[in-house]
Amino acid sequence: MTKRSGAPPLRFKGSELARHADACAGFDISITLWKRRAGGFVAAIEVEGHGTSSSQTNLQDAMSWLEAICGKDGRFGVDAARWPSGSERAKAAAHCRAMRILAGEALSQWDLLAESHAV
């Protein structure tokens, strides 16, 4: 089961293939990939307990979903009320950089999984 902001949790049976997590600029962030028993994949991003996830039929679609989420606005599901303003913007920029680095690491590992045909 994965959290989805504004929607019921995504429920599935499967095994975790990869997890990347970090804490930066006061935000705990994670990116996780699961392989579903019924076939396909679930990808999830969680920031400070708020998450978004998606079920995809293949690994390439899961990677495309992650790229689209990371390209949105850099906030990655953080509640707008918590998004800093003024002098806190440098801290927020550090958060965005950390999230993009984490997403890059996840995509690199997922690409290796796809190339190895291990999934």
Protein backbone atom coordinates (compact mmCIF):
# COMPACT_ATOMS: atom_id res chain seq x y z
CA MET A 1 0.00 0.00 0.00
CA THR A 2 1.29 3.46 -0.87
CA LYS A 3 -0.01 6.89 0.08
CA ARG A 4 -1.61 9.17 -2.49
CA SER A 5 -2.36 12.80 -1.65
CA GLY A 6 -6.02 13.53 -2.23
CA ALA A 7 -6.86 9.92 -3.10
CA PRO A 8 -7.27 6.57 -1.36
CA PRO A 9 -4.07 4.57 -0.83
CA LEU A 10 -2.90 2.43 -3.72
CA ARG A 11 -3.20 -1.17 -2.53
CA PHE A 12 -1.28 -4.02 -4.13
CA LYS A 13 0.74 -7.13 -3.37
CA GLY A 14 4.34 -7.15 -4.44
CA SER A 15 7.98 -6.84 -3.48
CA GLU A 16 10.18 -3.78 -3.09
CA LEU A 17 12.84 -3.56 -5.81
CA ALA A 18 14.51 -0.27 -4.95
CA ARG A 19 14.28 2.52 -2.38
CA HIS A 20 16.11 5.82 -2.28
CA ALA A 21 15.74 8.14 0.70
CA ASP A 22 17.33 11.32 1.99
CA ALA A 23 16.67 14.21 4.33
CA CYS A 24 17.51 17.68 3.09
CA ALA A 25 16.41 21.18 3.95
CA GLY A 26 14.20 19.82 6.71
CA PHE A 27 12.24 17.48 4.43
CA ASP A 28 12.33 13.66 4.51
CA ILE A 29 12.03 12.40 0.94
CA SER A 30 11.90 8.92 -0.57
CA ILE A 31 11.40 7.24 -3.93
CA THR A 32 10.40 3.57 -4.03
CA LEU A 33 9.80 1.02 -6.77
CA TRP A 34 7.85 -2.22 -6.27
CA LYS A 35 7.16 -5.13 -8.59
CA ARG A 36 3.52 -6.22 -8.40
CA ARG A 37 2.70 -9.92 -8.08
CA ALA A 38 -0.08 -9.45 -10.62
CA GLY A 39 2.39 -7.90 -13.07
CA GLY A 40 3.60 -4.38 -13.58
CA PHE A 41 5.18 -1.92 -11.18
CA VAL A 42 4.28 0.66 -8.57
CA ALA A 43 6.41 3.79 -8.22
CA ALA A 44 6.03 6.18 -5.31
CA ILE A 45 7.42 9.47 -4.05
CA GLU A 46 6.91 10.53 -0.45
CA VAL A 47 7.80 13.93 1.01
CA GLU A 48 7.17 14.58 4.69
CA GLY A 49 4.46 11.92 4.90
CA HIS A 50 2.63 13.16 1.81
CA GLY A 51 2.91 10.90 -1.16
CA THR A 52 1.96 10.19 -4.69
CA SER A 53 2.18 6.87 -6.44
CA SER A 54 1.30 5.24 -9.71
CA SER A 55 0.78 1.72 -10.99
CA GLN A 56 2.42 1.13 -14.38
CA THR A 57 2.41 -1.86 -16.72
CA ASN A 58 6.15 -1.73 -17.42
CA LEU A 59 9.33 -0.29 -15.96
CA GLN A 60 9.78 2.28 -18.74
CA ASP A 61 6.36 3.75 -17.95
CA ALA A 62 7.27 3.90 -14.24
CA MET A 63 10.46 5.77 -15.16
CA SER A 64 8.51 8.19 -17.37
CA TRP A 65 6.07 8.81 -14.52
CA LEU A 66 8.93 9.66 -12.14
CA GLU A 67 10.50 12.00 -14.71
CA ALA A 68 7.15 13.78 -15.18
CA ILE A 69 6.64 14.20 -11.43
CA CYS A 70 10.15 15.57 -10.96
CA GLY A 71 9.70 18.00 -13.82
CA LYS A 72 6.43 19.48 -12.52
CA ASP A 73 7.28 22.37 -10.22
CA GLY A 74 9.98 21.08 -7.90
CA ARG A 75 7.70 20.85 -4.87
CA PHE A 76 7.10 17.09 -5.15
CA GLY A 77 3.89 16.95 -3.17
CA VAL A 78 4.92 19.20 -0.26
CA ASP A 79 1.89 21.02 1.13
CA ALA A 80 1.88 24.60 -0.19
CA ALA A 81 1.46 25.88 3.37
CA ARG A 82 4.86 24.39 4.22
CA TRP A 83 6.58 25.77 1.12
CA PRO A 84 8.95 28.48 2.32
CA SER A 85 9.01 32.07 1.20
CA GLY A 86 11.48 34.90 1.58
CA SER A 87 14.77 33.93 3.22
CA GLU A 88 13.71 30.26 3.29
CA ARG A 89 13.88 30.02 -0.50
CA ALA A 90 17.55 29.00 -0.45
CA LYS A 91 16.62 26.11 1.81
CA ALA A 92 13.79 25.17 -0.56
CA ALA A 93 16.15 25.30 -3.53
CA ALA A 94 18.46 22.88 -1.69
CA HIS A 95 15.46 20.57 -1.20
CA CYS A 96 14.65 20.67 -4.92
CA ARG A 97 18.25 19.88 -5.83
CA ALA A 98 18.33 16.99 -3.36
CA MET A 99 15.08 15.59 -4.76
CA ARG A 100 16.34 15.81 -8.33
CA ILE A 101 19.61 14.10 -7.33
CA LEU A 102 17.64 11.37 -5.56
CA ALA A 103 15.38 10.95 -8.61
CA GLY A 104 18.47 10.72 -10.82
CA GLU A 105 19.90 7.97 -8.62
CA ALA A 106 16.58 6.11 -8.69
CA LEU A 107 16.25 6.40 -12.47
CA SER A 108 19.83 5.22 -12.94
CA GLN A 109 19.20 2.12 -10.83
CA TRP A 110 15.83 1.44 -12.48
CA ASP A 111 17.50 1.71 -15.88
CA LEU A 112 20.07 -0.90 -14.81
CA LEU A 113 17.22 -3.17 -13.68
CA ALA A 114 15.59 -2.80 -17.09
CA GLU A 115 18.85 -3.47 -18.96
CA SER A 116 19.61 -6.55 -16.90
CA HIS A 117 16.13 -7.94 -17.56
CA ALA A 118 16.05 -8.77 -13.84
CA VAL A 119 12.47 -7.53 -13.61
